Amino acid sequence: HHLRPGGLLVVDYLQKVPVHGVATTREQVMRSTETLKDLAVSADISVL
C-alpha cells in the first residue's frame, strides 16, 4: 500500500518483529530475515 518498486523499507529493528509459533530468538530472527529478503525480491524494493 505504501511503496513503489525501487522504494525503501526500514525496519527498526529486526529482532522485535513478532513471529508467532516460534520458541527461540534464533528461529524468530531466521524467519524474519528470510521473509524480509523475500519481500525485497518480490516487491522490487530495498530493505534496511
All heavy atoms as atom14 arrays in JSON, in Angstrom:
{
  "sequence": "HHLRPGGLLVVDYLQKVPVHGVATTREQVMRSTETLKDLAVSADISVL",
  "atom14_mask": [
    [1, 1, 1, 1, 1, 1, 1, 1, 1, 1, 0, 0, 0, 0],
    [1, 1, 1, 1, 1, 1, 1, 1, 1, 1, 0, 0, 0, 0],
    [1, 1, 1, 1, 1, 1, 1, 1, 0, 0, 0, 0, 0, 0],
    [1, 1, 1, 1, 1, 1, 1, 1, 1, 1, 1, 0, 0, 0],
    [1, 1, 1, 1, 1, 1, 1, 0, 0, 0, 0, 0, 0, 0],
    [1, 1, 1, 1, 0, 0, 0, 0, 0, 0, 0, 0, 0, 0],
    [1, 1, 1, 1, 0, 0, 0, 0, 0, 0, 0, 0, 0, 0],
    [1, 1, 1, 1, 1, 1, 1, 1, 0, 0, 0, 0, 0, 0],
    [1, 1, 1, 1, 1, 1, 1, 1, 0, 0, 0, 0, 0, 0],
    [1, 1, 1, 1, 1, 1, 1, 0, 0, 0, 0, 0, 0, 0],
    [1, 1, 1, 1, 1, 1, 1, 0, 0, 0, 0, 0, 0, 0],
    [1, 1, 1, 1, 1, 1, 1, 1, 0, 0, 0, 0, 0, 0],
    [1, 1, 1, 1, 1, 1, 1, 1, 1, 1, 1, 1, 0, 0],
    [1, 1, 1, 1, 1, 1, 1, 1, 0, 0, 0, 0, 0, 0],
    [1, 1, 1, 1, 1, 1, 1, 1, 1, 0, 0, 0, 0, 0],
    [1, 1, 1, 1, 1, 1, 1, 1, 1, 0, 0, 0, 0, 0],
    [1, 1, 1, 1, 1, 1, 1, 0, 0, 0, 0, 0, 0, 0],
    [1, 1, 1, 1, 1, 1, 1, 0, 0, 0, 0, 0, 0, 0],
    [1, 1, 1, 1, 1, 1, 1, 0, 0, 0, 0, 0, 0, 0],
    [1, 1, 1, 1, 1, 1, 1, 1, 1, 1, 0, 0, 0, 0],
    [1, 1, 1, 1, 0, 0, 0, 0, 0, 0, 0, 0, 0, 0],
    [1, 1, 1, 1, 1, 1, 1, 0, 0, 0, 0, 0, 0, 0],
    [1, 1, 1, 1, 1, 0, 0, 0, 0, 0, 0, 0, 0, 0],
    [1, 1, 1, 1, 1, 1, 1, 0, 0, 0, 0, 0, 0, 0],
    [1, 1, 1, 1, 1, 1, 1, 0, 0, 0, 0, 0, 0, 0],
    [1, 1, 1, 1, 1, 1, 1, 1, 1, 1, 1, 0, 0, 0],
    [1, 1, 1, 1, 1, 1, 1, 1, 1, 0, 0, 0, 0, 0],
    [1, 1, 1, 1, 1, 1, 1, 1, 1, 0, 0, 0, 0, 0],
    [1, 1, 1, 1, 1, 1, 1, 0, 0, 0, 0, 0, 0, 0],
    [1, 1, 1, 1, 1, 1, 1, 1, 0, 0, 0, 0, 0, 0],
    [1, 1, 1, 1, 1, 1, 1, 1, 1, 1, 1, 0, 0, 0],
    [1, 1, 1, 1, 1, 1, 0, 0, 0, 0, 0, 0, 0, 0],
    [1, 1, 1, 1, 1, 1, 1, 0, 0, 0, 0, 0, 0, 0],
    [1, 1, 1, 1, 1, 1, 1, 1, 1, 0, 0, 0, 0, 0],
    [1, 1, 1, 1, 1, 1, 1, 0, 0, 0, 0, 0, 0, 0],
    [1, 1, 1, 1, 1, 1, 1, 1, 0, 0, 0, 0, 0, 0],
    [1, 1, 1, 1, 1, 1, 1, 1, 1, 0, 0, 0, 0, 0],
    [1, 1, 1, 1, 1, 1, 1, 1, 0, 0, 0, 0, 0, 0],
    [1, 1, 1, 1, 1, 1, 1, 1, 0, 0, 0, 0, 0, 0],
    [1, 1, 1, 1, 1, 0, 0, 0, 0, 0, 0, 0, 0, 0],
    [1, 1, 1, 1, 1, 1, 1, 0, 0, 0, 0, 0, 0, 0],
    [1, 1, 1, 1, 1, 1, 0, 0, 0, 0, 0, 0, 0, 0],
    [1, 1, 1, 1, 1, 0, 0, 0, 0, 0, 0, 0, 0, 0],
    [1, 1, 1, 1, 1, 1, 1, 1, 0, 0, 0, 0, 0, 0],
    [1, 1, 1, 1, 1, 1, 1, 1, 0, 0, 0, 0, 0, 0],
    [1, 1, 1, 1, 1, 1, 0, 0, 0, 0, 0, 0, 0, 0],
    [1, 1, 1, 1, 1, 1, 1, 0, 0, 0, 0, 0, 0, 0],
    [1, 1, 1, 1, 1, 1, 1, 1, 0, 0, 0, 0, 0, 0]
  ],
  "atom14_positions": [
    [[0.8, -1.23, 0.0], [0.0, 0.0, 0.0], [0.83, 1.28, 0.0], [0.3, 2.35, -0.34], [-0.95, 0.02, 1.19], [-2.05, -1.01, 1.1], [-3.11, -0.88, 0.24], [-2.22, -2.18, 1.76], [-3.91, -1.92, 0.37], [-3.4, -2.73, 1.28], [0.0, 0.0, 0.0], [0.0, 0.0, 0.0], [0.0, 0.0, 0.0], [0.0, 0.0, 0.0]],
    [[2.1, 1.21, 0.38], [2.85, 2.45, 0.58], [4.13, 2.58, -0.23], [4.71, 3.67, -0.27], [3.18, 2.63, 2.06], [1.98, 2.86, 2.92], [1.37, 4.1, 3.05], [1.25, 2.01, 3.68], [0.33, 3.98, 3.87], [0.24, 2.74, 4.26], [0.0, 0.0, 0.0], [0.0, 0.0, 0.0], [0.0, 0.0, 0.0], [0.0, 0.0, 0.0]],
    [[4.6, 1.49, -0.84], [5.87, 1.57, -1.57], [5.7, 1.2, -3.03], [4.98, 0.28, -3.36], [6.91, 0.64, -0.92], [7.35, 0.97, 0.5], [8.44, 0.0, 0.95], [7.84, 2.4, 0.63], [0.0, 0.0, 0.0], [0.0, 0.0, 0.0], [0.0, 0.0, 0.0], [0.0, 0.0, 0.0], [0.0, 0.0, 0.0], [0.0, 0.0, 0.0]],
    [[6.41, 1.95, -3.87], [6.51, 1.61, -5.28], [7.78, 0.78, -5.5], [8.68, 0.8, -4.65], [6.6, 2.88, -6.14], [5.44, 3.84, -6.01], [5.53, 4.92, -7.09], [6.8, 5.62, -7.06], [6.97, 6.82, -6.52], [5.95, 7.45, -5.96], [8.15, 7.41, -6.54], [0.0, 0.0, 0.0], [0.0, 0.0, 0.0], [0.0, 0.0, 0.0]],
    [[7.87, 0.08, -6.63], [9.15, -0.57, -6.96], [10.28, 0.46, -6.92], [10.12, 1.58, -7.38], [8.91, -1.09, -8.38], [7.43, -1.35, -8.43], [6.81, -0.24, -7.62], [0.0, 0.0, 0.0], [0.0, 0.0, 0.0], [0.0, 0.0, 0.0], [0.0, 0.0, 0.0], [0.0, 0.0, 0.0], [0.0, 0.0, 0.0], [0.0, 0.0, 0.0]],
    [[11.4, 0.06, -6.33], [12.5, 0.99, -6.15], [12.47, 1.69, -4.81], [13.38, 2.45, -4.48], [0.0, 0.0, 0.0], [0.0, 0.0, 0.0], [0.0, 0.0, 0.0], [0.0, 0.0, 0.0], [0.0, 0.0, 0.0], [0.0, 0.0, 0.0], [0.0, 0.0, 0.0], [0.0, 0.0, 0.0], [0.0, 0.0, 0.0], [0.0, 0.0, 0.0]],
    [[11.41, 1.44, -4.02], [11.28, 2.09, -2.72], [12.15, 1.47, -1.65], [12.91, 0.52, -1.89], [0.0, 0.0, 0.0], [0.0, 0.0, 0.0], [0.0, 0.0, 0.0], [0.0, 0.0, 0.0], [0.0, 0.0, 0.0], [0.0, 0.0, 0.0], [0.0, 0.0, 0.0], [0.0, 0.0, 0.0], [0.0, 0.0, 0.0], [0.0, 0.0, 0.0]],
    [[12.04, 2.02, -0.45], [12.87, 1.59, 0.68], [11.99, 1.31, 1.89], [11.21, 2.16, 2.3], [13.9, 2.67, 1.02], [14.71, 2.46, 2.31], [15.6, 1.22, 2.21], [15.56, 3.71, 2.62], [0.0, 0.0, 0.0], [0.0, 0.0, 0.0], [0.0, 0.0, 0.0], [0.0, 0.0, 0.0], [0.0, 0.0, 0.0], [0.0, 0.0, 0.0]],
    [[12.14, 0.12, 2.46], [11.51, -0.23, 3.73], [12.58, -0.29, 4.8], [13.57, -1.01, 4.66], [10.82, -1.6, 3.63], [10.3, -2.2, 4.95], [9.17, -1.34, 5.52], [9.86, -3.64, 4.75], [0.0, 0.0, 0.0], [0.0, 0.0, 0.0], [0.0, 0.0, 0.0], [0.0, 0.0, 0.0], [0.0, 0.0, 0.0], [0.0, 0.0, 0.0]],
    [[12.41, 0.5, 5.87], [13.33, 0.49, 7.01], [12.61, -0.17, 8.18], [11.49, 0.24, 8.54], [13.78, 1.91, 7.4], [14.77, 1.84, 8.56], [14.38, 2.63, 6.2], [0.0, 0.0, 0.0], [0.0, 0.0, 0.0], [0.0, 0.0, 0.0], [0.0, 0.0, 0.0], [0.0, 0.0, 0.0], [0.0, 0.0, 0.0], [0.0, 0.0, 0.0]],
    [[13.23, -1.17, 8.79], [12.66, -1.87, 9.93], [13.57, -1.66, 11.13], [14.72, -2.11, 11.15], [12.5, -3.38, 9.65], [11.92, -4.09, 10.87], [11.62, -3.61, 8.43], [0.0, 0.0, 0.0], [0.0, 0.0, 0.0], [0.0, 0.0, 0.0], [0.0, 0.0, 0.0], [0.0, 0.0, 0.0], [0.0, 0.0, 0.0], [0.0, 0.0, 0.0]],
    [[13.07, -0.99, 12.14], [13.82, -0.64, 13.34], [13.11, -1.23, 14.58], [12.2, -0.6, 15.11], [13.92, 0.88, 13.46], [14.72, 1.33, 14.67], [15.38, 0.49, 15.31], [14.67, 2.55, 14.97], [0.0, 0.0, 0.0], [0.0, 0.0, 0.0], [0.0, 0.0, 0.0], [0.0, 0.0, 0.0], [0.0, 0.0, 0.0], [0.0, 0.0, 0.0]],
    [[13.46, -2.46, 15.05], [14.56, -3.21, 14.49], [14.14, -4.67, 14.32], [13.08, -5.07, 14.83], [15.82, -3.08, 15.35], [15.71, -3.51, 16.81], [15.98, -4.81, 17.21], [15.38, -2.58, 17.8], [15.91, -5.18, 18.54], [15.31, -2.95, 19.12], [15.58, -4.26, 19.5], [15.49, -4.63, 20.82], [0.0, 0.0, 0.0], [0.0, 0.0, 0.0]],
    [[14.96, -5.45, 13.61], [14.58, -6.77, 13.13], [14.2, -7.74, 14.24], [13.25, -8.51, 14.11], [15.73, -7.35, 12.29], [15.51, -8.67, 11.56], [16.28, -8.67, 10.26], [15.93, -9.86, 12.4], [0.0, 0.0, 0.0], [0.0, 0.0, 0.0], [0.0, 0.0, 0.0], [0.0, 0.0, 0.0], [0.0, 0.0, 0.0], [0.0, 0.0, 0.0]],
    [[14.94, -7.72, 15.34], [14.69, -8.69, 16.41], [13.4, -8.43, 17.17], [13.01, -9.23, 18.03], [15.86, -8.73, 17.38], [17.1, -9.44, 16.83], [18.03, -8.49, 16.1], [17.67, -7.33, 15.84], [19.22, -8.95, 15.78], [0.0, 0.0, 0.0], [0.0, 0.0, 0.0], [0.0, 0.0, 0.0], [0.0, 0.0, 0.0], [0.0, 0.0, 0.0]],
    [[12.72, -7.32, 16.86], [11.43, -7.05, 17.51], [10.24, -7.4, 16.63], [9.09, -7.27, 17.06], [11.35, -5.58, 17.94], [12.14, -5.29, 19.21], [11.62, -4.05, 19.91], [12.22, -3.91, 21.3], [11.63, -2.78, 22.05], [0.0, 0.0, 0.0], [0.0, 0.0, 0.0], [0.0, 0.0, 0.0], [0.0, 0.0, 0.0], [0.0, 0.0, 0.0]],
    [[10.49, -7.85, 15.4], [9.39, -8.25, 14.53], [8.78, -9.54, 15.09], [9.48, -10.54, 15.2], [9.87, -8.48, 13.09], [8.72, -8.96, 12.21], [10.49, -7.21, 12.52], [0.0, 0.0, 0.0], [0.0, 0.0, 0.0], [0.0, 0.0, 0.0], [0.0, 0.0, 0.0], [0.0, 0.0, 0.0], [0.0, 0.0, 0.0], [0.0, 0.0, 0.0]],
    [[7.5, -9.53, 15.47], [6.92, -10.74, 16.07], [6.74, -11.85, 15.05], [6.32, -11.61, 13.92], [5.57, -10.25, 16.61], [5.23, -9.07, 15.75], [6.52, -8.42, 15.4], [0.0, 0.0, 0.0], [0.0, 0.0, 0.0], [0.0, 0.0, 0.0], [0.0, 0.0, 0.0], [0.0, 0.0, 0.0], [0.0, 0.0, 0.0], [0.0, 0.0, 0.0]],
    [[7.1, -13.05, 15.45], [6.87, -14.25, 14.64], [6.15, -15.24, 15.53], [6.71, -15.72, 16.52], [8.19, -14.85, 14.12], [7.92, -16.13, 13.34], [8.93, -13.84, 13.25], [0.0, 0.0, 0.0], [0.0, 0.0, 0.0], [0.0, 0.0, 0.0], [0.0, 0.0, 0.0], [0.0, 0.0, 0.0], [0.0, 0.0, 0.0], [0.0, 0.0, 0.0]],
    [[4.92, -15.54, 15.19], [4.09, -16.4, 16.04], [4.45, -17.87, 15.86], [4.76, -18.32, 14.75], [2.62, -16.16, 15.73], [2.23, -14.71, 15.77], [2.23, -13.98, 16.92], [1.86, -13.85, 14.78], [1.87, -12.73, 16.67], [1.65, -12.62, 15.37], [0.0, 0.0, 0.0], [0.0, 0.0, 0.0], [0.0, 0.0, 0.0], [0.0, 0.0, 0.0]],
    [[4.44, -18.59, 16.96], [4.66, -20.03, 16.9], [6.1, -20.46, 16.93], [6.4, -21.63, 16.66], [0.0, 0.0, 0.0], [0.0, 0.0, 0.0], [0.0, 0.0, 0.0], [0.0, 0.0, 0.0], [0.0, 0.0, 0.0], [0.0, 0.0, 0.0], [0.0, 0.0, 0.0], [0.0, 0.0, 0.0], [0.0, 0.0, 0.0], [0.0, 0.0, 0.0]],
    [[7.02, -19.55, 17.25], [8.43, -19.93, 17.36], [8.83, -19.93, 18.82], [8.28, -19.18, 19.64], [9.35, -18.99, 16.55], [8.97, -19.03, 15.09], [9.28, -17.56, 17.08], [0.0, 0.0, 0.0], [0.0, 0.0, 0.0], [0.0, 0.0, 0.0], [0.0, 0.0, 0.0], [0.0, 0.0, 0.0], [0.0, 0.0, 0.0], [0.0, 0.0, 0.0]],
    [[9.83, -20.76, 19.15], [10.19, -20.93, 20.54], [11.48, -20.22, 20.93], [11.72, -19.96, 22.11], [10.32, -22.42, 20.86], [0.0, 0.0, 0.0], [0.0, 0.0, 0.0], [0.0, 0.0, 0.0], [0.0, 0.0, 0.0], [0.0, 0.0, 0.0], [0.0, 0.0, 0.0], [0.0, 0.0, 0.0], [0.0, 0.0, 0.0], [0.0, 0.0, 0.0]],
    [[12.32, -19.9, 19.96], [13.63, -19.32, 20.27], [13.88, -18.04, 19.48], [13.28, -17.82, 18.43], [14.75, -20.32, 19.93], [14.78, -20.54, 18.51], [14.53, -21.65, 20.65], [0.0, 0.0, 0.0], [0.0, 0.0, 0.0], [0.0, 0.0, 0.0], [0.0, 0.0, 0.0], [0.0, 0.0, 0.0], [0.0, 0.0, 0.0], [0.0, 0.0, 0.0]],
    [[14.77, -17.21, 20.01], [15.17, -15.99, 19.32], [15.83, -16.32, 17.99], [15.61, -15.63, 16.99], [16.15, -15.18, 20.18], [15.51, -14.81, 21.4], [16.62, -13.93, 19.46], [0.0, 0.0, 0.0], [0.0, 0.0, 0.0], [0.0, 0.0, 0.0], [0.0, 0.0, 0.0], [0.0, 0.0, 0.0], [0.0, 0.0, 0.0], [0.0, 0.0, 0.0]],
    [[16.61, -17.39, 17.97], [17.28, -17.79, 16.73], [16.26, -18.08, 15.63], [16.42, -17.65, 14.48], [18.14, -19.03, 16.98], [18.9, -19.51, 15.75], [19.72, -20.75, 16.08], [20.47, -21.19, 14.91], [19.97, -21.94, 13.94], [18.69, -22.32, 13.99], [20.73, -22.3, 12.92], [0.0, 0.0, 0.0], [0.0, 0.0, 0.0], [0.0, 0.0, 0.0]],
    [[15.2, -18.8, 15.98], [14.17, -19.13, 15.0], [13.42, -17.88, 14.57], [13.07, -17.71, 13.4], [13.21, -20.16, 15.57], [12.26, -20.75, 14.54], [11.39, -21.86, 15.1], [11.52, -22.16, 16.32], [10.57, -22.41, 14.35], [0.0, 0.0, 0.0], [0.0, 0.0, 0.0], [0.0, 0.0, 0.0], [0.0, 0.0, 0.0], [0.0, 0.0, 0.0]],
    [[13.14, -16.98, 15.52], [12.45, -15.73, 15.2], [13.26, -14.9, 14.21], [12.73, -14.38, 13.22], [12.19, -14.92, 16.48], [11.48, -13.6, 16.26], [12.44, -12.42, 16.08], [13.56, -12.46, 16.53], [11.97, -11.39, 15.39], [0.0, 0.0, 0.0], [0.0, 0.0, 0.0], [0.0, 0.0, 0.0], [0.0, 0.0, 0.0], [0.0, 0.0, 0.0]],
    [[14.56, -14.77, 14.47], [15.42, -13.99, 13.59], [15.5, -14.65, 12.22], [15.45, -13.97, 11.18], [16.83, -13.84, 14.21], [17.81, -13.23, 13.2], [16.76, -12.99, 15.46], [0.0, 0.0, 0.0], [0.0, 0.0, 0.0], [0.0, 0.0, 0.0], [0.0, 0.0, 0.0], [0.0, 0.0, 0.0], [0.0, 0.0, 0.0], [0.0, 0.0, 0.0]],
    [[15.61, -15.97, 12.17], [15.7, -16.68, 10.9], [14.46, -16.45, 10.05], [14.55, -16.11, 8.87], [15.89, -18.18, 11.14], [16.0, -19.01, 9.86], [16.29, -20.76, 10.18], [14.75, -21.21, 10.97], [0.0, 0.0, 0.0], [0.0, 0.0, 0.0], [0.0, 0.0, 0.0], [0.0, 0.0, 0.0], [0.0, 0.0, 0.0], [0.0, 0.0, 0.0]],
    [[13.28, -16.58, 10.67], [12.03, -16.4, 9.93], [11.88, -14.96, 9.48], [11.47, -14.7, 8.33], [10.85, -16.82, 10.81], [10.79, -18.3, 11.16], [9.97, -19.08, 10.16], [8.6, -18.64, 10.17], [7.67, -19.09, 11.03], [7.99, -19.99, 11.96], [6.43, -18.65, 10.97], [0.0, 0.0, 0.0], [0.0, 0.0, 0.0], [0.0, 0.0, 0.0]],
    [[12.17, -14.01, 10.34], [12.03, -12.6, 9.98], [12.98, -12.22, 8.86], [12.6, -11.53, 7.91], [12.31, -11.71, 11.21], [11.36, -11.93, 12.22], [0.0, 0.0, 0.0], [0.0, 0.0, 0.0], [0.0, 0.0, 0.0], [0.0, 0.0, 0.0], [0.0, 0.0, 0.0], [0.0, 0.0, 0.0], [0.0, 0.0, 0.0], [0.0, 0.0, 0.0]],
    [[14.22, -12.68, 8.96], [15.22, -12.34, 7.96], [14.86, -12.93, 6.6], [14.96, -12.25, 5.57], [16.61, -12.85, 8.4], [16.89, -12.37, 9.71], [17.69, -12.36, 7.46], [0.0, 0.0, 0.0], [0.0, 0.0, 0.0], [0.0, 0.0, 0.0], [0.0, 0.0, 0.0], [0.0, 0.0, 0.0], [0.0, 0.0, 0.0], [0.0, 0.0, 0.0]],
    [[14.44, -14.19, 6.59], [14.04, -14.82, 5.33], [12.87, -14.08, 4.69], [12.85, -13.86, 3.47], [13.67, -16.28, 5.58], [14.84, -17.18, 5.92], [14.4, -18.59, 6.26], [13.18, -18.79, 6.5], [15.25, -19.49, 6.3], [0.0, 0.0, 0.0], [0.0, 0.0, 0.0], [0.0, 0.0, 0.0], [0.0, 0.0, 0.0], [0.0, 0.0, 0.0]],
    [[11.89, -13.69, 5.51], [10.72, -13.01, 4.97], [11.07, -11.64, 4.42], [10.58, -11.24, 3.36], [9.64, -12.87, 6.06], [9.29, -14.17, 6.56], [8.39, -12.21, 5.51], [0.0, 0.0, 0.0], [0.0, 0.0, 0.0], [0.0, 0.0, 0.0], [0.0, 0.0, 0.0], [0.0, 0.0, 0.0], [0.0, 0.0, 0.0], [0.0, 0.0, 0.0]],
    [[11.92, -10.9, 5.12], [12.31, -9.57, 4.65], [13.1, -9.66, 3.35], [12.93, -8.83, 2.45], [13.12, -8.84, 5.71], [12.33, -8.37, 6.94], [13.26, -7.77, 7.98], [11.24, -7.38, 6.55], [0.0, 0.0, 0.0], [0.0, 0.0, 0.0], [0.0, 0.0, 0.0], [0.0, 0.0, 0.0], [0.0, 0.0, 0.0], [0.0, 0.0, 0.0]],
    [[13.95, -10.67, 3.23], [14.69, -10.86, 1.98], [13.72, -11.2, 0.84], [13.82, -10.64, -0.27], [15.72, -11.97, 2.15], [16.43, -12.38, 0.86], [17.17, -11.22, 0.19], [17.84, -11.68, -1.1], [18.49, -10.56, -1.81], [0.0, 0.0, 0.0], [0.0, 0.0, 0.0], [0.0, 0.0, 0.0], [0.0, 0.0, 0.0], [0.0, 0.0, 0.0]],
    [[12.76, -12.09, 1.09], [11.77, -12.43, 0.08], [10.94, -11.22, -0.32], [10.61, -11.03, -1.49], [10.84, -13.54, 0.59], [11.53, -14.9, 0.67], [12.6, -15.05, 0.07], [10.99, -15.79, 1.35], [0.0, 0.0, 0.0], [0.0, 0.0, 0.0], [0.0, 0.0, 0.0], [0.0, 0.0, 0.0], [0.0, 0.0, 0.0], [0.0, 0.0, 0.0]],
    [[10.63, -10.37, 0.67], [9.84, -9.17, 0.41], [10.61, -8.2, -0.48], [10.04, -7.57, -1.38], [9.47, -8.52, 1.73], [8.45, -7.38, 1.71], [7.15, -7.82, 1.08], [8.2, -6.88, 3.14], [0.0, 0.0, 0.0], [0.0, 0.0, 0.0], [0.0, 0.0, 0.0], [0.0, 0.0, 0.0], [0.0, 0.0, 0.0], [0.0, 0.0, 0.0]],
    [[11.91, -8.07, -0.23], [12.75, -7.2, -1.07], [12.72, -7.66, -2.52], [12.6, -6.85, -3.44], [14.17, -7.19, -0.54], [0.0, 0.0, 0.0], [0.0, 0.0, 0.0], [0.0, 0.0, 0.0], [0.0, 0.0, 0.0], [0.0, 0.0, 0.0], [0.0, 0.0, 0.0], [0.0, 0.0, 0.0], [0.0, 0.0, 0.0], [0.0, 0.0, 0.0]],
    [[12.79, -8.96, -2.73], [12.83, -9.5, -4.09], [11.46, -9.39, -4.75], [11.34, -8.91, -5.89], [13.3, -10.97, -4.07], [13.16, -11.6, -5.45], [14.74, -11.06, -3.57], [0.0, 0.0, 0.0], [0.0, 0.0, 0.0], [0.0, 0.0, 0.0], [0.0, 0.0, 0.0], [0.0, 0.0, 0.0], [0.0, 0.0, 0.0], [0.0, 0.0, 0.0]],
    [[10.41, -9.83, -4.05], [9.08, -9.88, -4.67], [8.52, -8.5, -4.95], [7.82, -8.29, -5.95], [8.11, -10.66, -3.77], [7.96, -10.03, -2.51], [0.0, 0.0, 0.0], [0.0, 0.0, 0.0], [0.0, 0.0, 0.0], [0.0, 0.0, 0.0], [0.0, 0.0, 0.0], [0.0, 0.0, 0.0], [0.0, 0.0, 0.0], [0.0, 0.0, 0.0]],
    [[8.8, -7.52, -4.09], [8.28, -6.16, -4.26], [9.25, -5.25, -5.01], [8.91, -4.1, -5.3], [7.94, -5.55, -2.91], [0.0, 0.0, 0.0], [0.0, 0.0, 0.0], [0.0, 0.0, 0.0], [0.0, 0.0, 0.0], [0.0, 0.0, 0.0], [0.0, 0.0, 0.0], [0.0, 0.0, 0.0], [0.0, 0.0, 0.0], [0.0, 0.0, 0.0]],
    [[10.44, -5.75, -5.32], [11.46, -4.98, -6.02], [11.79, -3.69, -5.26], [11.79, -2.59, -5.82], [11.03, -4.66, -7.45], [12.2, -4.24, -8.33], [13.34, -4.61, -8.01], [11.97, -3.53, -9.33], [0.0, 0.0, 0.0], [0.0, 0.0, 0.0], [0.0, 0.0, 0.0], [0.0, 0.0, 0.0], [0.0, 0.0, 0.0], [0.0, 0.0, 0.0]],
    [[12.07, -3.84, -3.97], [12.42, -2.72, -3.11], [13.74, -3.02, -2.39], [14.25, -4.15, -2.44], [11.33, -2.44, -2.06], [11.14, -3.66, -1.15], [10.02, -2.04, -2.73], [10.24, -3.41, 0.05], [0.0, 0.0, 0.0], [0.0, 0.0, 0.0], [0.0, 0.0, 0.0], [0.0, 0.0, 0.0], [0.0, 0.0, 0.0], [0.0, 0.0, 0.0]],
    [[14.26, -2.02, -1.72], [15.39, -2.21, -0.81], [14.83, -2.34, 0.6], [13.89, -1.63, 0.97], [16.35, -1.02, -0.86], [16.8, -0.77, -2.18], [0.0, 0.0, 0.0], [0.0, 0.0, 0.0], [0.0, 0.0, 0.0], [0.0, 0.0, 0.0], [0.0, 0.0, 0.0], [0.0, 0.0, 0.0], [0.0, 0.0, 0.0], [0.0, 0.0, 0.0]],
    [[15.41, -3.23, 1.38], [15.02, -3.37, 2.79], [16.25, -3.11, 3.66], [17.29, -3.76, 3.49], [14.44, -4.76, 3.1], [14.13, -4.88, 4.6], [13.17, -5.01, 2.29], [0.0, 0.0, 0.0], [0.0, 0.0, 0.0], [0.0, 0.0, 0.0], [0.0, 0.0, 0.0], [0.0, 0.0, 0.0], [0.0, 0.0, 0.0], [0.0, 0.0, 0.0]],
    [[16.12, -2.15, 4.55], [17.16, -1.85, 5.53], [16.64, -2.26, 6.89], [15.66, -1.7, 7.37], [17.5, -0.36, 5.52], [18.43, 0.14, 6.64], [19.82, -0.49, 6.51], [18.52, 1.66, 6.62], [0.0, 0.0, 0.0], [0.0, 0.0, 0.0], [0.0, 0.0, 0.0], [0.0, 0.0, 0.0], [0.0, 0.0, 0.0], [0.0, 0.0, 0.0]]
  ]
}
